[in-house]
C-alpha atoms as a PDB file:
ATOM      1  CA  UNK A   1     115.571  72.815  64.061  1.00  0.00           C
ATOM      2  CA  UNK A   2     119.009  71.219  64.107  1.00  0.00           C
ATOM      3  CA  UNK A   3     120.979  71.970  67.242  1.00  0.00           C
ATOM      4  CA  UNK A   4     124.460  73.287  66.337  1.00  0.00           C
ATOM      5  CA  UNK A   5     126.541  70.857  68.362  1.00  0.00           C
ATOM      6  CA  UNK A   6     129.444  68.749  67.272  1.00  0.00           C
ATOM      7  CA  UNK A   7     132.598  67.247  68.640  1.00  0.00           C
ATOM      8  CA  UNK A   8     135.520  65.201  67.428  1.00  0.00           C
ATOM      9  CA  UNK A   9     136.523  61.982  69.126  1.00  0.00           C
ATOM     10  CA  UNK A  10     139.560  59.960  68.118  1.00  0.00           C
ATOM     11  CA  UNK A  11     139.243  56.208  68.572  1.00  0.00           C
ATOM     12  CA  UNK A  12     141.459  53.578  66.984  1.00  0.00           C
ATOM     13  CA  UNK A  13     142.879  56.236  64.652  1.00  0.00           C
ATOM     14  CA  UNK A  14     139.410  57.022  63.308  1.00  0.00           C
ATOM     15  CA  UNK A  15     137.967  60.508  63.656  1.00  0.00           C
ATOM     16  CA  UNK A  16     134.279  60.755  64.487  1.00  0.00           C
ATOM     17  CA  UNK A  17     132.237  63.928  64.318  1.00  0.00           C
ATOM     18  CA  UNK A  18     128.985  63.792  66.283  1.00  0.00           C
ATOM     19  CA  UNK A  19     126.027  66.061  65.651  1.00  0.00           C
ATOM     20  CA  UNK A  20     122.927  66.332  67.843  1.00  0.00           C
ATOM     21  CA  UNK A  21     119.500  66.809  66.295  1.00  0.00           C
ATOM     22  CA  UNK A  22     116.622  67.993  68.498  1.00  0.00           C
ATOM     23  CA  UNK A  23     113.860  65.922  66.911  1.00  0.00           C
ATOM     24  CA  UNK A  24     111.169  67.670  68.950  1.00  0.00           C
ATOM     25  CA  UNK A  25     112.201  71.083  67.588  1.00  0.00           C
ATOM     26  CA  UNK A  26     112.436  69.715  64.036  1.00  0.00           C
ATOM     27  CA  UNK A  27     108.902  68.328  64.397  1.00  0.00           C
ATOM     28  CA  UNK A  28     107.677  71.658  65.751  1.00  0.00           C
ATOM     29  CA  UNK A  29     109.367  73.558  62.905  1.00  0.00           C
ATOM     30  CA  UNK A  30     107.867  71.288  60.249  1.00  0.00           C
ATOM     31  CA  UNK A  31     104.497  71.191  61.994  1.00  0.00           C
ATOM     32  CA  UNK A  32     104.441  67.374  62.047  1.00  0.00           C
ATOM     33  CA  UNK A  33     104.804  64.706  64.728  1.00  0.00           C
ATOM     34  CA  UNK A  34     108.203  63.608  66.003  1.00  0.00           C
ATOM     35  CA  UNK A  35     107.361  60.116  64.716  1.00  0.00           C
ATOM     36  CA  UNK A  36     106.883  61.533  61.196  1.00  0.00           C
ATOM     37  CA  UNK A  37     110.214  63.354  61.480  1.00  0.00           C
ATOM     38  CA  UNK A  38     111.896  60.067  62.421  1.00  0.00           C
ATOM     39  CA  UNK A  39     110.248  58.310  59.467  1.00  0.00           C
ATOM     40  CA  UNK A  40     111.412  61.093  57.133  1.00  0.00           C
ATOM     41  CA  UNK A  41     115.004  61.152  58.416  1.00  0.00           C
ATOM     42  CA  UNK A  42     115.305  57.363  58.537  1.00  0.00           C
ATOM     43  CA  UNK A  43     116.225  57.252  54.839  1.00  0.00           C
ATOM     44  CA  UNK A  44     119.792  57.068  53.571  1.00  0.00           C
ATOM     45  CA  UNK A  45     119.116  59.512  50.722  1.00  0.00           C
ATOM     46  CA  UNK A  46     117.727  62.120  53.102  1.00  0.00           C
ATOM     47  CA  UNK A  47     120.348  61.679  55.818  1.00  0.00           C
ATOM     48  CA  UNK A  48     123.176  61.654  53.273  1.00  0.00           C
ATOM     49  CA  UNK A  49     122.052  64.977  51.854  1.00  0.00           C
ATOM     50  CA  UNK A  50     121.501  66.434  55.326  1.00  0.00           C
ATOM     51  CA  UNK A  51     124.944  65.142  56.286  1.00  0.00           C
ATOM     52  CA  UNK A  52     126.485  67.194  53.459  1.00  0.00           C
ATOM     53  CA  UNK A  53     125.010  70.403  54.865  1.00  0.00           C
ATOM     54  CA  UNK A  54     125.890  69.599  58.481  1.00  0.00           C
ATOM     55  CA  UNK A  55     129.467  68.646  57.666  1.00  0.00           C
ATOM     56  CA  UNK A  56     129.946  71.681  55.424  1.00  0.00           C
ATOM     57  CA  UNK A  57     128.802  74.080  58.149  1.00  0.00           C
ATOM     58  CA  UNK A  58     130.602  72.399  61.025  1.00  0.00           C
ATOM     59  CA  UNK A  59     133.920  72.244  59.176  1.00  0.00           C
ATOM     60  CA  UNK A  60     133.464  75.557  57.342  1.00  0.00           C
ATOM     61  CA  UNK A  61     133.958  73.767  54.036  1.00  0.00           C
ATOM     62  CA  UNK A  62     132.367  74.248  50.607  1.00  0.00           C
ATOM     63  CA  UNK A  63     129.738  72.078  48.991  1.00  0.00           C
ATOM     64  CA  UNK A  64     130.391  70.998  45.422  1.00  0.00           C
ATOM     65  CA  UNK A  65     129.213  73.476  42.795  1.00  0.00           C
ATOM     66  CA  UNK A  66     126.641  71.077  41.310  1.00  0.00           C
ATOM     67  CA  UNK A  67     124.753  67.890  42.109  1.00  0.00           C
ATOM     68  CA  UNK A  68     126.526  66.230  39.172  1.00  0.00           C
ATOM     69  CA  UNK A  69     129.932  66.732  40.769  1.00  0.00           C
ATOM     70  CA  UNK A  70     131.881  63.525  41.538  1.00  0.00           C
ATOM     71  CA  UNK A  71     132.279  64.643  45.180  1.00  0.00           C
ATOM     72  CA  UNK A  72     130.051  66.400  47.737  1.00  0.00           C
ATOM     73  CA  UNK A  73     132.339  68.680  49.750  1.00  0.00           C
ATOM     74  CA  UNK A  74     135.665  70.404  49.210  1.00  0.00           C
ATOM     75  CA  UNK A  75     137.311  70.534  52.635  1.00  0.00           C
ATOM     76  CA  UNK A  76     140.516  72.448  53.422  1.00  0.00           C
ATOM     77  CA  UNK A  77     141.909  69.552  55.459  1.00  0.00           C
ATOM     78  CA  UNK A  78     140.590  66.450  53.659  1.00  0.00           C
ATOM     79  CA  UNK A  79     140.154  67.671  50.094  1.00  0.00           C
ATOM     80  CA  UNK A  80     137.275  66.201  48.099  1.00  0.00           C
ATOM     81  CA  UNK A  81     134.848  64.375  50.387  1.00  0.00           C
ATOM     82  CA  UNK A  82     132.032  62.034  49.405  1.00  0.00           C
ATOM     83  CA  UNK A  83     129.262  61.704  52.015  1.00  0.00           C
ATOM     84  CA  UNK A  84     127.608  58.285  52.297  1.00  0.00           C
ATOM     85  CA  UNK A  85     124.835  57.155  54.627  1.00  0.00           C
ATOM     86  CA  UNK A  86     125.437  53.955  56.557  1.00  0.00           C
ATOM     87  CA  UNK A  87     122.113  52.128  56.409  1.00  0.00           C
ATOM     88  CA  UNK A  88     122.054  48.339  56.043  1.00  0.00           C
ATOM     89  CA  UNK A  89     125.117  48.874  53.848  1.00  0.00           C
ATOM     90  CA  UNK A  90     127.540  51.605  52.890  1.00  0.00           C
ATOM     91  CA  UNK A  91     128.283  51.983  49.202  1.00  0.00           C
ATOM     92  CA  UNK A  92     131.537  53.172  47.681  1.00  0.00           C
ATOM     93  CA  UNK A  93     130.265  52.882  44.101  1.00  0.00           C
ATOM     94  CA  UNK A  94     129.635  55.823  41.824  1.00  0.00           C
ATOM     95  CA  UNK A  95     126.128  57.167  42.464  1.00  0.00           C
ATOM     96  CA  UNK A  96     125.636  57.202  38.688  1.00  0.00           C
ATOM     97  CA  UNK A  97     125.875  53.409  38.704  1.00  0.00           C
ATOM     98  CA  UNK A  98     123.561  52.699  41.651  1.00  0.00           C
ATOM     99  CA  UNK A  99     119.825  52.286  41.290  1.00  0.00           C
ATOM    100  CA  UNK A 100     117.178  50.558  39.250  1.00  0.00           C
ATOM    101  CA  UNK A 101     118.388  49.498  35.822  1.00  0.00           C
ATOM    102  CA  UNK A 102     121.996  50.512  36.486  1.00  0.00           C
ATOM    103  CA  UNK A 103     125.042  48.339  37.070  1.00  0.00           C
ATOM    104  CA  UNK A 104     128.156  48.977  39.138  1.00  0.00           C
ATOM    105  CA  UNK A 105     131.330  48.499  37.096  1.00  0.00           C
ATOM    106  CA  UNK A 106     135.024  48.274  37.978  1.00  0.00           C
ATOM    107  CA  UNK A 107     135.678  51.250  35.686  1.00  0.00           C
ATOM    108  CA  UNK A 108     133.033  53.339  37.452  1.00  0.00           C
ATOM    109  CA  UNK A 109     134.468  52.364  40.844  1.00  0.00           C
ATOM    110  CA  UNK A 110     137.967  53.281  39.696  1.00  0.00           C
ATOM    111  CA  UNK A 111     136.756  56.700  38.491  1.00  0.00           C
ATOM    112  CA  UNK A 112     134.932  57.297  41.789  1.00  0.00           C
ATOM    113  CA  UNK A 113     138.064  56.435  43.757  1.00  0.00           C
ATOM    114  CA  UNK A 114     140.123  58.811  41.596  1.00  0.00           C
ATOM    115  CA  UNK A 115     137.599  61.628  42.017  1.00  0.00           C
ATOM    116  CA  UNK A 116     137.528  61.738  45.828  1.00  0.00           C
ATOM    117  CA  UNK A 117     140.138  62.060  48.559  1.00  0.00           C
ATOM    118  CA  UNK A 118     138.071  60.595  51.396  1.00  0.00           C
ATOM    119  CA  UNK A 119     134.629  59.123  52.094  1.00  0.00           C
ATOM    120  CA  UNK A 120     132.571  60.195  55.095  1.00  0.00           C
ATOM    121  CA  UNK A 121     130.032  57.709  56.426  1.00  0.00           C
ATOM    122  CA  UNK A 122     126.995  58.995  58.332  1.00  0.00           C
ATOM    123  CA  UNK A 123     125.702  56.613  60.998  1.00  0.00           C
ATOM    124  CA  UNK A 124     122.082  57.489  61.759  1.00  0.00           C
ATOM    125  CA  UNK A 125     121.012  54.554  63.904  1.00  0.00           C
ATOM    126  CA  UNK A 126     120.527  57.138  66.668  1.00  0.00           C
ATOM    127  CA  UNK A 127     118.729  59.959  64.852  1.00  0.00           C
ATOM    128  CA  UNK A 128     119.110  62.348  67.772  1.00  0.00           C
ATOM    129  CA  UNK A 129     122.921  62.151  67.538  1.00  0.00           C
ATOM    130  CA  UNK A 130     124.329  61.177  64.163  1.00  0.00           C
ATOM    131  CA  UNK A 131     127.987  60.239  63.759  1.00  0.00           C
ATOM    132  CA  UNK A 132     130.359  60.972  60.908  1.00  0.00           C
ATOM    133  CA  UNK A 133     133.175  58.490  60.154  1.00  0.00           C
ATOM    134  CA  UNK A 134     136.092  59.520  57.961  1.00  0.00           C
ATOM    135  CA  UNK A 135     137.000  56.586  55.700  1.00  0.00           C
ATOM    136  CA  UNK A 136     140.255  56.811  53.788  1.00  0.00           C
ATOM    137  CA  UNK A 137     140.581  55.428  50.286  1.00  0.00           C
ATOM    138  CA  UNK A 138     143.195  53.054  51.693  1.00  0.00           C
ATOM    139  CA  UNK A 139     140.568  51.665  54.073  1.00  0.00           C
ATOM    140  CA  UNK A 140     138.143  51.217  51.152  1.00  0.00           C
ATOM    141  CA  UNK A 141     140.767  49.279  49.192  1.00  0.00           C
ATOM    142  CA  UNK A 142     141.555  47.245  52.319  1.00  0.00           C
ATOM    143  CA  UNK A 143     137.881  46.273  52.696  1.00  0.00           C
ATOM    144  CA  UNK A 144     137.934  45.181  49.054  1.00  0.00           C
ATOM    145  CA  UNK A 145     141.169  43.184  49.565  1.00  0.00           C
ATOM    146  CA  UNK A 146     139.788  41.487  52.698  1.00  0.00           C
ATOM    147  CA  UNK A 147     136.749  40.337  50.746  1.00  0.00           C
ATOM    148  CA  UNK A 148     134.142  42.125  52.846  1.00  0.00           C
ATOM    149  CA  UNK A 149     133.160  44.385  49.940  1.00  0.00           C
ATOM    150  CA  UNK A 150     130.474  43.035  47.637  1.00  0.00           C
ATOM    151  CA  UNK A 151     130.693  43.101  43.833  1.00  0.00           C
ATOM    152  CA  UNK A 152     128.435  46.166  43.859  1.00  0.00           C
ATOM    153  CA  UNK A 153     131.128  47.958  45.940  1.00  0.00           C
ATOM    154  CA  UNK A 154     129.078  48.031  49.134  1.00  0.00           C
ATOM    155  CA  UNK A 155     129.845  46.672  52.592  1.00  0.00           C
ATOM    156  CA  UNK A 156     127.235  45.573  55.105  1.00  0.00           C
ATOM    157  CA  UNK A 157     126.957  47.946  58.064  1.00  0.00           C
ATOM    158  CA  UNK A 158     127.767  45.107  60.447  1.00  0.00           C
ATOM    159  CA  UNK A 159     131.002  44.238  58.613  1.00  0.00           C
ATOM    160  CA  UNK A 160     131.895  47.914  58.233  1.00  0.00           C
ATOM    161  CA  UNK A 161     131.617  48.575  61.976  1.00  0.00           C
ATOM    162  CA  UNK A 162     133.598  45.417  62.752  1.00  0.00           C
ATOM    163  CA  UNK A 163     136.252  46.535  60.247  1.00  0.00           C
ATOM    164  CA  UNK A 164     136.706  49.935  61.884  1.00  0.00           C
ATOM    165  CA  UNK A 165     136.541  48.423  65.357  1.00  0.00           C
ATOM    166  CA  UNK A 166     133.329  50.136  66.463  1.00  0.00           C
ATOM    167  CA  UNK A 167     130.138  48.936  68.136  1.00  0.00           C
END
């Protein structure tokens, strides 16, 4: 069970939404150990998808009409949001260009940037309280300009957190 708790904190002009997860109750609900729940949730694909649902409910937004949509959430305040897990890296590339046998292109990146209004990074280093970082397109372009973004349009988590002035 996910505990319905969230709050907004403003630090260095960045808005963070925090969400608590009661791992013991999730384990009980799934009928598996808490360790197995942690193993399951400790995956960027899983936490990114979960993040979409949490953010949609907490902000009373709407999820995109299909999985093939170029964005994840349509939010009254932010517009079209793309949810991205912050694992060892955070990627700003088009999901269609990421994965085995696929290649990230400048054209695909440009289309992704045109299709969203804001990115939302989900930090799940502490699985019992995940954090949501709103990342403007301007900040994404700034990371690219500063040279901390790789050719595959990802940024290491360490450099990302240094860039936003956190941790």
